[in-house]
Structure formats: structure tokens, C-alpha cells
Amino acid sequence: MKKNEMKIEFDSISANEAFARVTVAAFMAQMNPSMEEVADVKTAVSEAVTNAIIHGYGSEVHKITISGVIEEELLLLEVSDQGIGIQDVKKAMEPLYTSCPEQERSGMGFLFMEAFMDEIQVISKPGEGTTVIMKKIIGHHGA
């Protein structure tokens, strides 16, 4: 398969979390993924978008961008915001850590992303935003 790319931008409102999931699922359909692979990617995208909405922007509405690249069996996704950023990425990625305990957040978002994707990287600068880079190899059914 040749390289294919896409990029979408949408408002940081919770209704668009489902839009992001469906869009990424439709984009990766050309890779002939298993239902489990689609569900994994949709869950990871959902967590990344939710983090951008809640932690990146709080109650303000700004833009979230998802970029996707397909190259052979590799799916590469980047979910970006220009929100408040993360002071300590390592701490934020610890299971059960949440910067919003008053909202009853579970602190499991990054853990889910790591569990459902093959690789995850978080790049963030306080005051400038956050980008979550996720990679998954598609098509190794049962491998």
C-alpha cells in the first residue's frame, strides 16, 4: 500500500470525540484491520481527544487536530492541542494520576493509550499545548 495521509481539525467539545473516533476508523479501514484493531485505535483516539478537551482547554473551546499517516502496515496518529500543556509529562503518564480529581477523572487515559497502541509518545510544553503520537502496526492478526 502506498503512503496515505489525512488531517482534520475540530472544536474541543465532547460531541466531537465520537466524530474523531469514527473518522480515524474510516481512515484506517483501507488497511483491512481486524475489529479488535479498530476498537483499540478508536479507544486510544478517544482518550487522547478527551484529554485535550478536559485537560488542554478546560471549559474553553479551541481546536484539536488529528493527523494520520498510513505507510505499509503502520498507522501513525497525532492528536494535538494548543492548550495549557503538561508541566510533568512523566508524572501525567503515571496510572491513576489526574490533574482534575474534582471531576472524578480516573487518571487512566495514557495507560489505555499505551495498552491499545504499540507505541505512544507525549510532547508537551506548558502554555503551548500537547501532542500525543501513537503508532500501531495493523494486520498482524494473532501475531
N, C-alpha and C. Protein backbone atom coordinates (compact mmCIF):
# COMPACT_ATOMS: atom_id res chain seq x y z
N MET A 1 0.84 -1.18 0.00
CA MET A 1 0.00 0.00 0.00
C MET A 1 0.89 1.24 0.00
N LYS A 2 0.51 2.21 -0.77
CA LYS A 2 1.25 3.46 -0.80
C LYS A 2 0.92 4.28 0.43
N LYS A 3 1.76 5.25 0.67
CA LYS A 3 1.56 6.15 1.80
C LYS A 3 0.28 6.97 1.59
N ASN A 4 -0.45 7.17 2.65
CA ASN A 4 -1.67 7.97 2.62
C ASN A 4 -1.69 8.83 3.88
N GLU A 5 -2.14 10.07 3.74
CA GLU A 5 -2.17 10.99 4.88
C GLU A 5 -3.52 11.69 4.98
N MET A 6 -3.86 12.09 6.20
CA MET A 6 -5.07 12.88 6.41
C MET A 6 -4.84 13.80 7.59
N LYS A 7 -5.64 14.87 7.64
CA LYS A 7 -5.59 15.80 8.76
C LYS A 7 -6.97 16.40 8.94
N ILE A 8 -7.45 16.40 10.18
CA ILE A 8 -8.74 17.01 10.50
C ILE A 8 -8.56 17.96 11.68
N GLU A 9 -9.41 18.96 11.72
CA GLU A 9 -9.40 19.90 12.84
C GLU A 9 -10.84 20.12 13.26
N PHE A 10 -11.07 20.15 14.57
CA PHE A 10 -12.43 20.31 15.07
C PHE A 10 -12.41 21.00 16.42
N ASP A 11 -13.58 21.50 16.82
CA ASP A 11 -13.71 22.19 18.10
C ASP A 11 -13.55 21.22 19.27
N SER A 12 -13.02 21.74 20.37
CA SER A 12 -12.77 20.92 21.56
C SER A 12 -14.04 20.81 22.42
N ILE A 13 -15.06 20.18 21.83
CA ILE A 13 -16.29 19.91 22.59
C ILE A 13 -16.50 18.40 22.61
N SER A 14 -17.12 17.92 23.67
CA SER A 14 -17.22 16.47 23.88
C SER A 14 -17.96 15.76 22.76
N ALA A 15 -18.90 16.43 22.10
CA ALA A 15 -19.63 15.79 20.98
C ALA A 15 -18.68 15.39 19.86
N ASN A 16 -17.56 16.06 19.71
CA ASN A 16 -16.63 15.76 18.63
C ASN A 16 -15.71 14.58 18.93
N GLU A 17 -15.75 14.07 20.13
CA GLU A 17 -14.95 12.88 20.47
C GLU A 17 -15.42 11.69 19.62
N ALA A 18 -16.72 11.52 19.47
CA ALA A 18 -17.26 10.44 18.63
C ALA A 18 -16.90 10.66 17.16
N PHE A 19 -16.94 11.92 16.71
CA PHE A 19 -16.55 12.26 15.34
C PHE A 19 -15.10 11.84 15.08
N ALA A 20 -14.22 12.12 16.03
CA ALA A 20 -12.81 11.77 15.89
C ALA A 20 -12.64 10.25 15.79
N ARG A 21 -13.34 9.51 16.62
CA ARG A 21 -13.25 8.04 16.61
C ARG A 21 -13.68 7.47 15.25
N VAL A 22 -14.82 7.93 14.76
CA VAL A 22 -15.36 7.41 13.50
C VAL A 22 -14.47 7.80 12.32
N THR A 23 -13.95 9.03 12.34
CA THR A 23 -13.09 9.49 11.26
C THR A 23 -11.82 8.65 11.17
N VAL A 24 -11.19 8.42 12.31
CA VAL A 24 -9.96 7.61 12.32
C VAL A 24 -10.27 6.17 11.91
N ALA A 25 -11.39 5.63 12.35
CA ALA A 25 -11.78 4.26 11.97
C ALA A 25 -11.99 4.17 10.46
N ALA A 26 -12.63 5.19 9.88
CA ALA A 26 -12.85 5.19 8.42
C ALA A 26 -11.52 5.31 7.68
N PHE A 27 -10.61 6.13 8.18
CA PHE A 27 -9.31 6.30 7.55
C PHE A 27 -8.51 5.00 7.55
N MET A 28 -8.53 4.29 8.67
CA MET A 28 -7.73 3.06 8.77
C MET A 28 -8.40 1.85 8.10
N ALA A 29 -9.64 1.99 7.66
CA ALA A 29 -10.36 0.87 7.03
C ALA A 29 -9.62 0.33 5.81
N GLN A 30 -8.91 1.20 5.10
CA GLN A 30 -8.16 0.78 3.91
C GLN A 30 -7.03 -0.20 4.24
N MET A 31 -6.70 -0.32 5.52
CA MET A 31 -5.64 -1.24 5.95
C MET A 31 -6.18 -2.64 6.23
N ASN A 32 -7.49 -2.80 6.06
CA ASN A 32 -8.15 -4.07 6.34
C ASN A 32 -7.87 -4.56 7.77
N PRO A 33 -8.13 -3.70 8.76
CA PRO A 33 -7.86 -4.08 10.14
C PRO A 33 -8.91 -5.05 10.68
N SER A 34 -8.52 -5.76 11.74
CA SER A 34 -9.49 -6.60 12.44
C SER A 34 -10.41 -5.68 13.26
N MET A 35 -11.55 -6.20 13.68
CA MET A 35 -12.47 -5.43 14.52
C MET A 35 -11.77 -5.01 15.82
N GLU A 36 -10.93 -5.89 16.34
CA GLU A 36 -10.20 -5.59 17.57
C GLU A 36 -9.22 -4.43 17.36
N GLU A 37 -8.54 -4.43 16.22
CA GLU A 37 -7.61 -3.34 15.93
C GLU A 37 -8.34 -2.01 15.81
N VAL A 38 -9.50 -2.01 15.15
CA VAL A 38 -10.30 -0.79 15.03
C VAL A 38 -10.74 -0.32 16.41
N ALA A 39 -11.22 -1.23 17.23
CA ALA A 39 -11.68 -0.88 18.58
C ALA A 39 -10.52 -0.32 19.42
N ASP A 40 -9.34 -0.93 19.30
CA ASP A 40 -8.17 -0.45 20.04
C ASP A 40 -7.82 0.99 19.66
N VAL A 41 -7.76 1.25 18.36
CA VAL A 41 -7.39 2.58 17.88
C VAL A 41 -8.46 3.60 18.26
N LYS A 42 -9.73 3.23 18.13
CA LYS A 42 -10.81 4.15 18.49
C LYS A 42 -10.74 4.51 19.98
N THR A 43 -10.43 3.54 20.81
CA THR A 43 -10.32 3.80 22.25
C THR A 43 -9.16 4.74 22.54
N ALA A 44 -8.01 4.50 21.92
CA ALA A 44 -6.84 5.34 22.15
C ALA A 44 -7.10 6.78 21.67
N VAL A 45 -7.72 6.92 20.51
CA VAL A 45 -8.05 8.25 19.98
C VAL A 45 -9.03 8.95 20.91
N SER A 46 -10.01 8.22 21.39
CA SER A 46 -11.00 8.78 22.31
C SER A 46 -10.33 9.34 23.56
N GLU A 47 -9.39 8.58 24.12
CA GLU A 47 -8.68 9.03 25.32
C GLU A 47 -7.86 10.28 25.04
N ALA A 48 -7.16 10.30 23.91
CA ALA A 48 -6.32 11.46 23.57
C ALA A 48 -7.16 12.71 23.35
N VAL A 49 -8.28 12.56 22.65
CA VAL A 49 -9.16 13.70 22.38
C VAL A 49 -9.79 14.19 23.69
N THR A 50 -10.24 13.27 24.51
CA THR A 50 -10.84 13.64 25.79
C THR A 50 -9.83 14.40 26.66
N ASN A 51 -8.58 13.92 26.67
CA ASN A 51 -7.54 14.64 27.43
C ASN A 51 -7.37 16.06 26.92
N ALA A 52 -7.36 16.23 25.61
CA ALA A 52 -7.20 17.58 25.03
C ALA A 52 -8.37 18.47 25.43
N ILE A 53 -9.58 17.93 25.38
CA ILE A 53 -10.77 18.72 25.73
C ILE A 53 -10.75 19.11 27.20
N ILE A 54 -10.55 18.15 28.08
CA ILE A 54 -10.67 18.38 29.52
C ILE A 54 -9.44 19.06 30.11
N HIS A 55 -8.27 18.49 29.81
CA HIS A 55 -7.04 18.98 30.45
C HIS A 55 -6.36 20.09 29.64
N GLY A 56 -6.45 20.02 28.32
CA GLY A 56 -5.80 21.02 27.49
C GLY A 56 -6.50 22.36 27.52
N TYR A 57 -7.83 22.32 27.42
CA TYR A 57 -8.59 23.56 27.27
C TYR A 57 -9.55 23.87 28.40
N GLY A 58 -9.83 22.90 29.27
CA GLY A 58 -10.78 23.16 30.35
C GLY A 58 -12.15 23.48 29.78
N SER A 59 -12.73 24.60 30.16
CA SER A 59 -14.08 24.94 29.70
C SER A 59 -14.06 25.79 28.42
N GLU A 60 -12.88 26.15 27.93
CA GLU A 60 -12.79 26.96 26.72
C GLU A 60 -12.85 26.06 25.48
N VAL A 61 -13.39 26.60 24.39
CA VAL A 61 -13.46 25.85 23.13
C VAL A 61 -12.40 26.38 22.18
N HIS A 62 -11.51 25.51 21.80
CA HIS A 62 -10.46 25.81 20.84
C HIS A 62 -10.38 24.65 19.85
N LYS A 63 -9.29 24.51 19.14
CA LYS A 63 -9.18 23.47 18.11
C LYS A 63 -8.33 22.28 18.56
N ILE A 64 -8.73 21.12 18.11
CA ILE A 64 -7.95 19.88 18.25
C ILE A 64 -7.67 19.41 16.83
N THR A 65 -6.46 18.95 16.60
CA THR A 65 -6.07 18.46 15.28
C THR A 65 -5.67 16.99 15.39
N ILE A 66 -6.13 16.20 14.44
CA ILE A 66 -5.67 14.82 14.33
C ILE A 66 -5.04 14.67 12.95
N SER A 67 -3.80 14.23 12.94
CA SER A 67 -3.10 13.91 11.70
C SER A 67 -2.89 12.41 11.67
N GLY A 68 -3.07 11.83 10.50
CA GLY A 68 -2.87 10.40 10.35
C GLY A 68 -2.04 10.08 9.13
N VAL A 69 -1.19 9.07 9.27
CA VAL A 69 -0.38 8.59 8.16
C VAL A 69 -0.47 7.07 8.15
N ILE A 70 -0.69 6.54 6.96
CA ILE A 70 -0.63 5.09 6.76
C ILE A 70 0.55 4.85 5.83
N GLU A 71 1.44 3.97 6.25
CA GLU A 71 2.57 3.59 5.42
C GLU A 71 2.80 2.11 5.62
N GLU A 72 2.51 1.35 4.56
CA GLU A 72 2.53 -0.12 4.65
C GLU A 72 1.56 -0.54 5.75
N GLU A 73 2.08 -1.25 6.79
CA GLU A 73 1.18 -1.72 7.86
C GLU A 73 1.21 -0.80 9.09
N LEU A 74 1.88 0.34 9.00
CA LEU A 74 1.98 1.26 10.12
C LEU A 74 0.90 2.34 10.06
N LEU A 75 0.19 2.49 11.16
CA LEU A 75 -0.75 3.59 11.34
C LEU A 75 -0.13 4.53 12.36
N LEU A 76 0.08 5.78 11.96
CA LEU A 76 0.65 6.80 12.83
C LEU A 76 -0.39 7.90 13.01
N LEU A 77 -0.72 8.20 14.25
CA LEU A 77 -1.71 9.23 14.56
C LEU A 77 -1.10 10.24 15.52
N GLU A 78 -1.41 11.52 15.27
CA GLU A 78 -1.01 12.58 16.18
C GLU A 78 -2.25 13.37 16.56
N VAL A 79 -2.49 13.48 17.86
CA VAL A 79 -3.61 14.27 18.37
C VAL A 79 -2.99 15.47 19.08
N SER A 80 -3.30 16.68 18.58
CA SER A 80 -2.65 17.88 19.10
C SER A 80 -3.65 18.93 19.57
N ASP A 81 -3.25 19.66 20.61
CA ASP A 81 -4.00 20.83 21.05
C ASP A 81 -3.00 21.95 21.31
N GLN A 82 -3.51 23.16 21.41
CA GLN A 82 -2.67 24.30 21.76
C GLN A 82 -3.11 24.83 23.13
N GLY A 83 -3.38 23.90 24.01
CA GLY A 83 -3.89 24.25 25.34
C GLY A 83 -2.80 24.59 26.34
N ILE A 84 -3.09 24.30 27.60
CA ILE A 84 -2.20 24.72 28.69
C ILE A 84 -0.92 23.90 28.77
N GLY A 85 -0.89 22.73 28.10
CA GLY A 85 0.31 21.90 28.16
C GLY A 85 0.39 21.11 29.46
N ILE A 86 1.42 20.30 29.55
CA ILE A 86 1.63 19.43 30.72
C ILE A 86 2.97 19.82 31.33
N GLN A 87 2.95 20.15 32.62
CA GLN A 87 4.18 20.51 33.33
C GLN A 87 5.15 19.33 33.40
N ASP A 88 4.64 18.17 33.80
CA ASP A 88 5.48 16.99 34.02
C ASP A 88 4.85 15.81 33.29
N VAL A 89 5.30 15.56 32.06
CA VAL A 89 4.71 14.51 31.22
C VAL A 89 4.86 13.15 31.89
N LYS A 90 6.02 12.86 32.45
CA LYS A 90 6.25 11.56 33.10
C LYS A 90 5.24 11.34 34.23
N LYS A 91 5.02 12.35 35.04
CA LYS A 91 4.05 12.27 36.15
C LYS A 91 2.63 12.09 35.59
N ALA A 92 2.30 12.85 34.54
CA ALA A 92 0.96 12.78 33.96
C ALA A 92 0.66 11.40 33.39
N MET A 93 1.69 10.68 32.97
CA MET A 93 1.51 9.36 32.38
C MET A 93 1.44 8.24 33.41
N GLU A 94 1.63 8.56 34.69
CA GLU A 94 1.53 7.55 35.74
C GLU A 94 0.08 7.11 35.89
N PRO A 95 -0.14 5.79 36.04
CA PRO A 95 -1.51 5.30 36.25
C PRO A 95 -2.14 5.95 37.48
N LEU A 96 -3.41 6.30 37.35
CA LEU A 96 -4.24 6.90 38.39
C LEU A 96 -3.93 8.36 38.68
N TYR A 97 -2.90 8.94 38.04
CA TYR A 97 -2.64 10.37 38.22
C TYR A 97 -3.65 11.17 37.42
N THR A 98 -4.23 12.17 38.05
CA THR A 98 -5.12 13.08 37.33
C THR A 98 -4.90 14.49 37.82
N SER A 99 -4.96 15.44 36.90
CA SER A 99 -4.84 16.84 37.28
C SER A 99 -6.22 17.41 37.63
N CYS A 100 -7.26 16.61 37.47
CA CYS A 100 -8.63 17.07 37.75
C CYS A 100 -9.38 16.10 38.67
N PRO A 101 -8.89 15.86 39.88
CA PRO A 101 -9.58 14.89 40.75
C PRO A 101 -11.00 15.31 41.10
N GLU A 102 -11.26 16.63 41.10
CA GLU A 102 -12.61 17.11 41.42
C GLU A 102 -13.62 16.74 40.36
N GLN A 103 -13.16 16.39 39.16
CA GLN A 103 -14.06 15.97 38.09
C GLN A 103 -14.21 14.45 38.05
N GLU A 104 -13.68 13.78 39.06
CA GLU A 104 -13.74 12.32 39.14
C GLU A 104 -13.14 11.66 37.91
N ARG A 105 -11.99 12.18 37.46
CA ARG A 105 -11.26 11.58 36.35
C ARG A 105 -10.50 10.38 36.91
N SER A 106 -10.38 9.31 36.13
CA SER A 106 -9.75 8.09 36.62
C SER A 106 -8.24 8.12 36.54
N GLY A 107 -7.68 9.00 35.70
CA GLY A 107 -6.24 9.04 35.56
C GLY A 107 -5.70 7.85 34.77
N MET A 108 -6.52 7.25 33.93
CA MET A 108 -6.12 6.05 33.19
C MET A 108 -5.97 6.29 31.69
N GLY A 109 -6.15 7.52 31.23
CA GLY A 109 -6.13 7.82 29.80
C GLY A 109 -4.85 7.38 29.10
N PHE A 110 -3.69 7.81 29.63
CA PHE A 110 -2.43 7.43 28.99
C PHE A 110 -2.19 5.92 29.09
N LEU A 111 -2.62 5.32 30.21
CA LEU A 111 -2.47 3.87 30.37
C LEU A 111 -3.26 3.13 29.29
N PHE A 112 -4.48 3.58 29.03
CA PHE A 112 -5.28 2.97 27.96
C PHE A 112 -4.63 3.15 26.60
N MET A 113 -4.12 4.37 26.34
CA MET A 113 -3.46 4.61 25.06
C MET A 113 -2.26 3.67 24.89
N GLU A 114 -1.48 3.51 25.95
CA GLU A 114 -0.32 2.62 25.89
C GLU A 114 -0.74 1.16 25.70
N ALA A 115 -1.85 0.78 26.32
CA ALA A 115 -2.31 -0.61 26.23
C ALA A 115 -2.83 -0.95 24.84
N PHE A 116 -3.48 0.01 24.18
CA PHE A 116 -4.14 -0.28 22.90
C PHE A 116 -3.30 0.04 21.68
N MET A 117 -2.22 0.78 21.85
CA MET A 117 -1.35 1.12 20.73
C MET A 117 0.02 0.45 20.95
N ASP A 118 0.80 0.34 19.89
CA ASP A 118 2.12 -0.29 20.01
C ASP A 118 3.15 0.67 20.61
N GLU A 119 2.94 1.95 20.36
CA GLU A 119 3.89 2.95 20.85
C GLU A 119 3.15 4.25 21.07
N ILE A 120 3.52 4.96 22.14
CA ILE A 120 2.92 6.27 22.42
C ILE A 120 4.02 7.21 22.90
N GLN A 121 3.96 8.43 22.43
CA GLN A 121 4.91 9.46 22.85
C GLN A 121 4.10 10.73 23.10
N VAL A 122 4.44 11.43 24.17
CA VAL A 122 3.74 12.67 24.51
C VAL A 122 4.75 13.81 24.50
N ILE A 123 4.46 14.82 23.69
CA ILE A 123 5.30 16.01 23.62
C ILE A 123 4.44 17.17 24.09
N SER A 124 4.93 17.89 25.09
CA SER A 124 4.13 18.98 25.64
C SER A 124 5.03 20.10 26.16
N LYS A 125 4.56 21.33 25.95
CA LYS A 125 5.23 22.50 26.51
C LYS A 125 4.18 23.30 27.25
N PRO A 126 4.41 23.58 28.54
CA PRO A 126 3.45 24.39 29.29
C PRO A 126 3.17 25.71 28.57
N GLY A 127 1.88 26.01 28.41
CA GLY A 127 1.45 27.22 27.76
C GLY A 127 1.38 27.13 26.24
N GLU A 128 1.85 26.04 25.66
CA GLU A 128 1.87 25.90 24.20
C GLU A 128 1.05 24.74 23.67
N GLY A 129 0.78 23.74 24.51
CA GLY A 129 -0.05 22.63 24.05
C GLY A 129 0.63 21.29 24.16
N THR A 130 -0.08 20.28 23.68
CA THR A 130 0.35 18.89 23.80
C THR A 130 0.08 18.15 22.50
N THR A 131 0.99 17.28 22.13
CA THR A 131 0.79 16.37 21.00
C THR A 131 1.02 14.95 21.50
N VAL A 132 0.05 14.09 21.24
CA VAL A 132 0.18 12.67 21.56
C VAL A 132 0.40 11.94 20.24
N ILE A 133 1.53 11.26 20.13
CA ILE A 133 1.88 10.50 18.93
C ILE A 133 1.67 9.02 19.24
N MET A 134 0.84 8.38 18.42
CA MET A 134 0.52 6.97 18.65
C MET A 134 0.80 6.17 17.38
N LYS A 135 1.40 5.00 17.57
CA LYS A 135 1.69 4.13 16.44
C LYS A 135 1.11 2.75 16.69
N LYS A 136 0.62 2.15 15.61
CA LYS A 136 0.10 0.77 15.71
C LYS A 136 0.36 0.07 14.39
N ILE A 137 0.89 -1.14 14.49
CA ILE A 137 1.06 -1.99 13.32
C ILE A 137 -0.27 -2.73 13.10
N ILE A 138 -0.81 -2.62 11.90
CA ILE A 138 -2.11 -3.22 11.58
C ILE A 138 -1.89 -4.43 10.68
N GLY A 139 -2.60 -5.50 10.99
CA GLY A 139 -2.57 -6.66 10.10
C GLY A 139 -1.83 -7.87 10.62
N HIS A 140 -1.30 -7.78 11.81
CA HIS A 140 -0.63 -8.95 12.39
C HIS A 140 -1.62 -9.68 13.28
N HIS A 141 -2.69 -10.15 12.65
CA HIS A 141 -3.78 -10.82 13.38
C HIS A 141 -3.25 -12.07 14.07
N GLY A 142 -3.40 -12.07 15.38
CA GLY A 142 -2.99 -13.23 16.15
C GLY A 142 -1.49 -13.35 16.29
N ALA A 143 -0.76 -12.37 15.88
CA ALA A 143 0.71 -12.43 15.95
C ALA A 143 1.20 -11.99 17.32
